[in-house]
Amino acid sequence: MNIEETRNGILKILENKGGNAPMKIIHGYSKLIHQVAHKEFSDVMEGLVNDELVIFDDGAFILTEKGKKLAINL
């Protein structure tokens, strides 16, 4: 697993889905495309939250303004 590639892919899929998606969708994408296991997914998403690129609210990941700016340029 390439962490940076996975992070960028998640940001881009969130952007493509209008800036938010349920955890189930993002986890499925990560597992299918990037072969990310459950623990790795948690670590990647925690990093995105800590970097203030996404927030987690009511079962969904949402791009922040900072995350949107980054995702547009990927």
PDB file of N, CA and C in Angstrom:
ATOM      1  N   MET A   1       0.841  -1.186   0.000  1.00  0.00           N
ATOM      2  CA  MET A   1       0.000   0.000   0.000  1.00  0.00           C
ATOM      3  C   MET A   1       0.880   1.239   0.000  1.00  0.00           C
ATOM      4  N   ASN A   2       0.582   2.140  -0.886  1.00  0.00           N
ATOM      5  CA  ASN A   2       1.253   3.435  -0.923  1.00  0.00           C
ATOM      6  C   ASN A   2       0.341   4.433  -0.201  1.00  0.00           C
ATOM      7  N   ILE A   3       0.774   4.876   0.979  1.00  0.00           N
ATOM      8  CA  ILE A   3      -0.070   5.735   1.814  1.00  0.00           C
ATOM      9  C   ILE A   3      -0.438   7.029   1.107  1.00  0.00           C
ATOM     10  N   GLU A   4       0.512   7.682   0.483  1.00  0.00           N
ATOM     11  CA  GLU A   4       0.234   8.966  -0.178  1.00  0.00           C
ATOM     12  C   GLU A   4      -0.736   8.784  -1.342  1.00  0.00           C
ATOM     13  N   GLU A   5      -0.546   7.722  -2.106  1.00  0.00           N
ATOM     14  CA  GLU A   5      -1.456   7.432  -3.220  1.00  0.00           C
ATOM     15  C   GLU A   5      -2.872   7.146  -2.698  1.00  0.00           C
ATOM     16  N   THR A   6      -2.966   6.417  -1.603  1.00  0.00           N
ATOM     17  CA  THR A   6      -4.262   6.112  -1.000  1.00  0.00           C
ATOM     18  C   THR A   6      -4.932   7.376  -0.486  1.00  0.00           C
ATOM     19  N   ARG A   7      -4.177   8.210   0.223  1.00  0.00           N
ATOM     20  CA  ARG A   7      -4.725   9.477   0.731  1.00  0.00           C
ATOM     21  C   ARG A   7      -5.254  10.334  -0.419  1.00  0.00           C
ATOM     22  N   ASN A   8      -4.446  10.472  -1.466  1.00  0.00           N
ATOM     23  CA  ASN A   8      -4.850  11.289  -2.612  1.00  0.00           C
ATOM     24  C   ASN A   8      -6.079  10.708  -3.303  1.00  0.00           C
ATOM     25  N   GLY A   9      -6.129   9.385  -3.422  1.00  0.00           N
ATOM     26  CA  GLY A   9      -7.280   8.743  -4.042  1.00  0.00           C
ATOM     27  C   GLY A   9      -8.556   8.981  -3.252  1.00  0.00           C
ATOM     28  N   ILE A  10      -8.454   8.925  -1.933  1.00  0.00           N
ATOM     29  CA  ILE A  10      -9.617   9.171  -1.090  1.00  0.00           C
ATOM     30  C   ILE A  10     -10.077  10.619  -1.221  1.00  0.00           C
ATOM     31  N   LEU A  11      -9.143  11.544  -1.211  1.00  0.00           N
ATOM     32  CA  LEU A  11      -9.512  12.953  -1.375  1.00  0.00           C
ATOM     33  C   LEU A  11     -10.206  13.172  -2.716  1.00  0.00           C
ATOM     34  N   LYS A  12      -9.681  12.542  -3.767  1.00  0.00           N
ATOM     35  CA  LYS A  12     -10.250  12.718  -5.102  1.00  0.00           C
ATOM     36  C   LYS A  12     -11.639  12.091  -5.205  1.00  0.00           C
ATOM     37  N   ILE A  13     -11.838  10.922  -4.621  1.00  0.00           N
ATOM     38  CA  ILE A  13     -13.162  10.303  -4.685  1.00  0.00           C
ATOM     39  C   ILE A  13     -14.172  11.124  -3.901  1.00  0.00           C
ATOM     40  N   LEU A  14     -13.752  11.702  -2.787  1.00  0.00           N
ATOM     41  CA  LEU A  14     -14.648  12.589  -2.045  1.00  0.00           C
ATOM     42  C   LEU A  14     -15.015  13.806  -2.886  1.00  0.00           C
ATOM     43  N   GLU A  15     -14.031  14.373  -3.561  1.00  0.00           N
ATOM     44  CA  GLU A  15     -14.314  15.520  -4.428  1.00  0.00           C
ATOM     45  C   GLU A  15     -15.293  15.114  -5.526  1.00  0.00           C
ATOM     46  N   ASN A  16     -15.072  13.961  -6.145  1.00  0.00           N
ATOM     47  CA  ASN A  16     -15.940  13.483  -7.226  1.00  0.00           C
ATOM     48  C   ASN A  16     -17.365  13.214  -6.750  1.00  0.00           C
ATOM     49  N   LYS A  17     -17.525  12.938  -5.482  1.00  0.00           N
ATOM     50  CA  LYS A  17     -18.855  12.653  -4.923  1.00  0.00           C
ATOM     51  C   LYS A  17     -19.473  13.892  -4.284  1.00  0.00           C
ATOM     52  N   GLY A  18     -18.991  15.065  -4.643  1.00  0.00           N
ATOM     53  CA  GLY A  18     -19.585  16.293  -4.148  1.00  0.00           C
ATOM     54  C   GLY A  18     -19.060  16.748  -2.797  1.00  0.00           C
ATOM     55  N   GLY A  19     -17.955  16.145  -2.353  1.00  0.00           N
ATOM     56  CA  GLY A  19     -17.322  16.587  -1.119  1.00  0.00           C
ATOM     57  C   GLY A  19     -17.612  15.737   0.093  1.00  0.00           C
ATOM     58  N   ASN A  20     -18.485  14.727  -0.049  1.00  0.00           N
ATOM     59  CA  ASN A  20     -18.758  13.859   1.097  1.00  0.00           C
ATOM     60  C   ASN A  20     -19.239  12.493   0.626  1.00  0.00           C
ATOM     61  N   ALA A  21     -19.010  11.502   1.490  1.00  0.00           N
ATOM     62  CA  ALA A  21     -19.462  10.142   1.201  1.00  0.00           C
ATOM     63  C   ALA A  21     -19.495   9.350   2.497  1.00  0.00           C
ATOM     64  N   PRO A  22     -20.407   8.381   2.581  1.00  0.00           N
ATOM     65  CA  PRO A  22     -20.463   7.532   3.769  1.00  0.00           C
ATOM     66  C   PRO A  22     -19.167   6.729   3.937  1.00  0.00           C
ATOM     67  N   MET A  23     -18.854   6.421   5.183  1.00  0.00           N
ATOM     68  CA  MET A  23     -17.652   5.646   5.469  1.00  0.00           C
ATOM     69  C   MET A  23     -17.651   4.333   4.682  1.00  0.00           C
ATOM     70  N   LYS A  24     -18.790   3.690   4.552  1.00  0.00           N
ATOM     71  CA  LYS A  24     -18.886   2.421   3.831  1.00  0.00           C
ATOM     72  C   LYS A  24     -18.383   2.552   2.396  1.00  0.00           C
ATOM     73  N   ILE A  25     -18.722   3.636   1.734  1.00  0.00           N
ATOM     74  CA  ILE A  25     -18.292   3.865   0.344  1.00  0.00           C
ATOM     75  C   ILE A  25     -16.779   4.081   0.284  1.00  0.00           C
ATOM     76  N   ILE A  26     -16.257   4.919   1.170  1.00  0.00           N
ATOM     77  CA  ILE A  26     -14.817   5.218   1.169  1.00  0.00           C
ATOM     78  C   ILE A  26     -14.006   3.980   1.550  1.00  0.00           C
ATOM     79  N   HIS A  27     -14.491   3.227   2.523  1.00  0.00           N
ATOM     80  CA  HIS A  27     -13.783   2.007   2.934  1.00  0.00           C
ATOM     81  C   HIS A  27     -13.780   0.993   1.792  1.00  0.00           C
ATOM     82  N   GLY A  28     -14.918   0.815   1.124  1.00  0.00           N
ATOM     83  CA  GLY A  28     -14.988  -0.106  -0.011  1.00  0.00           C
ATOM     84  C   GLY A  28     -14.056   0.299  -1.139  1.00  0.00           C
ATOM     85  N   TYR A  29     -14.030   1.582  -1.445  1.00  0.00           N
ATOM     86  CA  TYR A  29     -13.117   2.102  -2.473  1.00  0.00           C
ATOM     87  C   TYR A  29     -11.668   1.804  -2.099  1.00  0.00           C
ATOM     88  N   SER A  30     -11.300   2.100  -0.861  1.00  0.00           N
ATOM     89  CA  SER A  30      -9.922   1.902  -0.406  1.00  0.00           C
ATOM     90  C   SER A  30      -9.519   0.437  -0.458  1.00  0.00           C
ATOM     91  N   LYS A  31     -10.444  -0.417  -0.064  1.00  0.00           N
ATOM     92  CA  LYS A  31     -10.172  -1.857  -0.058  1.00  0.00           C
ATOM     93  C   LYS A  31     -10.021  -2.385  -1.480  1.00  0.00           C
ATOM     94  N   LEU A  32     -10.919  -1.986  -2.367  1.00  0.00           N
ATOM     95  CA  LEU A  32     -10.925  -2.483  -3.740  1.00  0.00           C
ATOM     96  C   LEU A  32      -9.771  -1.930  -4.572  1.00  0.00           C
ATOM     97  N   ILE A  33      -9.584  -0.627  -4.542  1.00  0.00           N
ATOM     98  CA  ILE A  33      -8.604   0.022  -5.415  1.00  0.00           C
ATOM     99  C   ILE A  33      -7.189  -0.013  -4.845  1.00  0.00           C
ATOM    100  N   HIS A  34      -7.064   0.211  -3.546  1.00  0.00           N
ATOM    101  CA  HIS A  34      -5.732   0.343  -2.943  1.00  0.00           C
ATOM    102  C   HIS A  34      -5.338  -0.833  -2.051  1.00  0.00           C
ATOM    103  N   GLN A  35      -6.176  -1.884  -1.981  1.00  0.00           N
ATOM    104  CA  GLN A  35      -5.929  -3.054  -1.151  1.00  0.00           C
ATOM    105  C   GLN A  35      -5.603  -2.674   0.304  1.00  0.00           C
ATOM    106  N   VAL A  36      -6.384  -1.756   0.838  1.00  0.00           N
ATOM    107  CA  VAL A  36      -6.178  -1.254   2.191  1.00  0.00           C
ATOM    108  C   VAL A  36      -7.022  -2.080   3.158  1.00  0.00           C
ATOM    109  N   ALA A  37      -6.375  -2.671   4.155  1.00  0.00           N
ATOM    110  CA  ALA A  37      -7.072  -3.438   5.182  1.00  0.00           C
ATOM    111  C   ALA A  37      -7.719  -2.491   6.193  1.00  0.00           C
ATOM    112  N   HIS A  38      -8.507  -3.063   7.097  1.00  0.00           N
ATOM    113  CA  HIS A  38      -9.268  -2.251   8.058  1.00  0.00           C
ATOM    114  C   HIS A  38      -8.375  -1.346   8.901  1.00  0.00           C
ATOM    115  N   LYS A  39      -7.319  -1.869   9.473  1.00  0.00           N
ATOM    116  CA  LYS A  39      -6.432  -1.071  10.335  1.00  0.00           C
ATOM    117  C   LYS A  39      -5.744   0.027   9.522  1.00  0.00           C
ATOM    118  N   GLU A  40      -5.289  -0.316   8.340  1.00  0.00           N
ATOM    119  CA  GLU A  40      -4.640   0.675   7.481  1.00  0.00           C
ATOM    120  C   GLU A  40      -5.621   1.780   7.099  1.00  0.00           C
ATOM    121  N   PHE A  41      -6.868   1.406   6.803  1.00  0.00           N
ATOM    122  CA  PHE A  41      -7.900   2.388   6.469  1.00  0.00           C
ATOM    123  C   PHE A  41      -8.093   3.359   7.627  1.00  0.00           C
ATOM    124  N   SER A  42      -8.189   2.813   8.822  1.00  0.00           N
ATOM    125  CA  SER A  42      -8.356   3.656  10.010  1.00  0.00           C
ATOM    126  C   SER A  42      -7.190   4.620  10.163  1.00  0.00           C
ATOM    127  N   ASP A  43      -5.978   4.120   9.957  1.00  0.00           N
ATOM    128  CA  ASP A  43      -4.783   4.970  10.080  1.00  0.00           C
ATOM    129  C   ASP A  43      -4.781   6.087   9.037  1.00  0.00           C
ATOM    130  N   VAL A  44      -5.121   5.740   7.787  1.00  0.00           N
ATOM    131  CA  VAL A  44      -5.140   6.736   6.711  1.00  0.00           C
ATOM    132  C   VAL A  44      -6.199   7.804   6.995  1.00  0.00           C
ATOM    133  N   MET A  45      -7.386   7.375   7.372  1.00  0.00           N
ATOM    134  CA  MET A  45      -8.467   8.334   7.617  1.00  0.00           C
ATOM    135  C   MET A  45      -8.174   9.193   8.843  1.00  0.00           C
ATOM    136  N   GLU A  46      -7.586   8.595   9.868  1.00  0.00           N
ATOM    137  CA  GLU A  46      -7.203   9.372  11.048  1.00  0.00           C
ATOM    138  C   GLU A  46      -6.184  10.443  10.668  1.00  0.00           C
ATOM    139  N   GLY A  47      -5.249  10.102   9.779  1.00  0.00           N
ATOM    140  CA  GLY A  47      -4.271  11.072   9.303  1.00  0.00           C
ATOM    141  C   GLY A  47      -4.922  12.205   8.537  1.00  0.00           C
ATOM    142  N   LEU A  48      -5.908  11.883   7.691  1.00  0.00           N
ATOM    143  CA  LEU A  48      -6.604  12.921   6.936  1.00  0.00           C
ATOM    144  C   LEU A  48      -7.379  13.852   7.865  1.00  0.00           C
ATOM    145  N   VAL A  49      -7.975  13.287   8.906  1.00  0.00           N
ATOM    146  CA  VAL A  49      -8.682  14.106   9.898  1.00  0.00           C
ATOM    147  C   VAL A  49      -7.682  14.978  10.659  1.00  0.00           C
ATOM    148  N   ASN A  50      -6.583  14.372  11.117  1.00  0.00           N
ATOM    149  CA  ASN A  50      -5.569  15.127  11.861  1.00  0.00           C
ATOM    150  C   ASN A  50      -4.948  16.239  11.028  1.00  0.00           C
ATOM    151  N   ASP A  51      -4.829  16.015   9.722  1.00  0.00           N
ATOM    152  CA  ASP A  51      -4.275  17.030   8.822  1.00  0.00           C
ATOM    153  C   ASP A  51      -5.325  18.063   8.402  1.00  0.00           C
ATOM    154  N   GLU A  52      -6.533  17.919   8.956  1.00  0.00           N
ATOM    155  CA  GLU A  52      -7.654  18.834   8.703  1.00  0.00           C
ATOM    156  C   GLU A  52      -8.065  18.874   7.228  1.00  0.00           C
ATOM    157  N   LEU A  53      -7.950  17.722   6.561  1.00  0.00           N
ATOM    158  CA  LEU A  53      -8.367  17.617   5.164  1.00  0.00           C
ATOM    159  C   LEU A  53      -9.786  17.083   5.050  1.00  0.00           C
ATOM    160  N   VAL A  54     -10.212  16.299   6.049  1.00  0.00           N
ATOM    161  CA  VAL A  54     -11.577  15.796   6.112  1.00  0.00           C
ATOM    162  C   VAL A  54     -12.061  15.857   7.555  1.00  0.00           C
ATOM    163  N   ILE A  55     -13.371  15.845   7.692  1.00  0.00           N
ATOM    164  CA  ILE A  55     -13.976  15.662   9.011  1.00  0.00           C
ATOM    165  C   ILE A  55     -14.867  14.436   8.920  1.00  0.00           C
ATOM    166  N   PHE A  56     -15.145  13.829  10.063  1.00  0.00           N
ATOM    167  CA  PHE A  56     -16.044  12.687  10.125  1.00  0.00           C
ATOM    168  C   PHE A  56     -17.261  13.115  10.923  1.00  0.00           C
ATOM    169  N   ASP A  57     -18.426  13.010  10.304  1.00  0.00           N
ATOM    170  CA  ASP A  57     -19.649  13.445  10.968  1.00  0.00           C
ATOM    171  C   ASP A  57     -20.795  12.524  10.572  1.00  0.00           C
ATOM    172  N   ASP A  58     -21.443  11.959  11.556  1.00  0.00           N
ATOM    173  CA  ASP A  58     -22.640  11.148  11.350  1.00  0.00           C
ATOM    174  C   ASP A  58     -22.432  10.039  10.310  1.00  0.00           C
ATOM    175  N   GLY A  59     -21.293   9.347  10.407  1.00  0.00           N
ATOM    176  CA  GLY A  59     -21.030   8.211   9.531  1.00  0.00           C
ATOM    177  C   GLY A  59     -20.507   8.545   8.157  1.00  0.00           C
ATOM    178  N   ALA A  60     -20.174   9.822   7.923  1.00  0.00           N
ATOM    179  CA  ALA A  60     -19.677  10.227   6.604  1.00  0.00           C
ATOM    180  C   ALA A  60     -18.396  11.041   6.733  1.00  0.00           C
ATOM    181  N   PHE A  61     -17.565  10.932   5.724  1.00  0.00           N
ATOM    182  CA  PHE A  61     -16.373  11.778   5.632  1.00  0.00           C
ATOM    183  C   PHE A  61     -16.702  12.949   4.729  1.00  0.00           C
ATOM    184  N   ILE A  62     -16.276  14.136   5.154  1.00  0.00           N
ATOM    185  CA  ILE A  62     -16.583  15.376   4.446  1.00  0.00           C
ATOM    186  C   ILE A  62     -15.288  16.142   4.230  1.00  0.00           C
ATOM    187  N   LEU A  63     -15.063  16.565   2.999  1.00  0.00           N
ATOM    188  CA  LEU A  63     -13.878  17.383   2.714  1.00  0.00           C
ATOM    189  C   LEU A  63     -13.989  18.737   3.410  1.00  0.00           C
ATOM    190  N   THR A  64     -12.898  19.179   3.992  1.00  0.00           N
ATOM    191  CA  THR A  64     -12.827  20.542   4.515  1.00  0.00           C
ATOM    192  C   THR A  64     -12.440  21.459   3.357  1.00  0.00           C
ATOM    193  N   GLU A  65     -12.452  22.754   3.590  1.00  0.00           N
ATOM    194  CA  GLU A  65     -11.994  23.687   2.550  1.00  0.00           C
ATOM    195  C   GLU A  65     -10.548  23.390   2.162  1.00  0.00           C
ATOM    196  N   LYS A  66      -9.732  23.096   3.156  1.00  0.00           N
ATOM    197  CA  LYS A  66      -8.323  22.746   2.912  1.00  0.00           C
ATOM    198  C   LYS A  66      -8.243  21.471   2.055  1.00  0.00           C
ATOM    199  N   GLY A  67      -9.088  20.488   2.374  1.00  0.00           N
ATOM    200  CA  GLY A  67      -9.120  19.247   1.608  1.00  0.00           C
ATOM    201  C   GLY A  67      -9.604  19.459   0.183  1.00  0.00           C
ATOM    202  N   LYS A  68     -10.611  20.321   0.005  1.00  0.00           N
ATOM    203  CA  LYS A  68     -11.123  20.633  -1.335  1.00  0.00           C
ATOM    204  C   LYS A  68     -10.042  21.263  -2.195  1.00  0.00           C
ATOM    205  N   LYS A  69      -9.307  22.207  -1.623  1.00  0.00           N
ATOM    206  CA  LYS A  69      -8.241  22.881  -2.385  1.00  0.00           C
ATOM    207  C   LYS A  69      -7.180  21.886  -2.835  1.00  0.00           C
ATOM    208  N   LEU A  70      -6.832  20.952  -1.958  1.00  0.00           N
ATOM    209  CA  LEU A  70      -5.834  19.944  -2.293  1.00  0.00           C
ATOM    210  C   LEU A  70      -6.380  18.981  -3.354  1.00  0.00           C
ATOM    211  N   ALA A  71      -7.623  18.517  -3.178  1.00  0.00           N
ATOM    212  CA  ALA A  71      -8.219  17.540  -4.080  1.00  0.00           C
ATOM    213  C   ALA A  71      -8.357  18.067  -5.502  1.00  0.00           C
ATOM    214  N   ILE A  72      -8.675  19.333  -5.646  1.00  0.00           N
ATOM    215  CA  ILE A  72      -8.832  19.938  -6.974  1.00  0.00           C
ATOM    216  C   ILE A  72      -7.535  19.849  -7.763  1.00  0.00           C
ATOM    217  N   ASN A  73      -6.417  19.941  -7.081  1.00  0.00           N
ATOM    218  CA  ASN A  73      -5.119  19.949  -7.758  1.00  0.00           C
ATOM    219  C   ASN A  73      -4.511  18.553  -7.950  1.00  0.00           C
ATOM    220  N   LEU A  74      -5.231  17.510  -7.575  1.00  0.00           N
ATOM    221  CA  LEU A  74      -4.691  16.148  -7.733  1.00  0.00           C
ATOM    222  C   LEU A  74      -4.976  15.604  -9.115  1.00  0.00           C
TER     223      LEU A  74
END
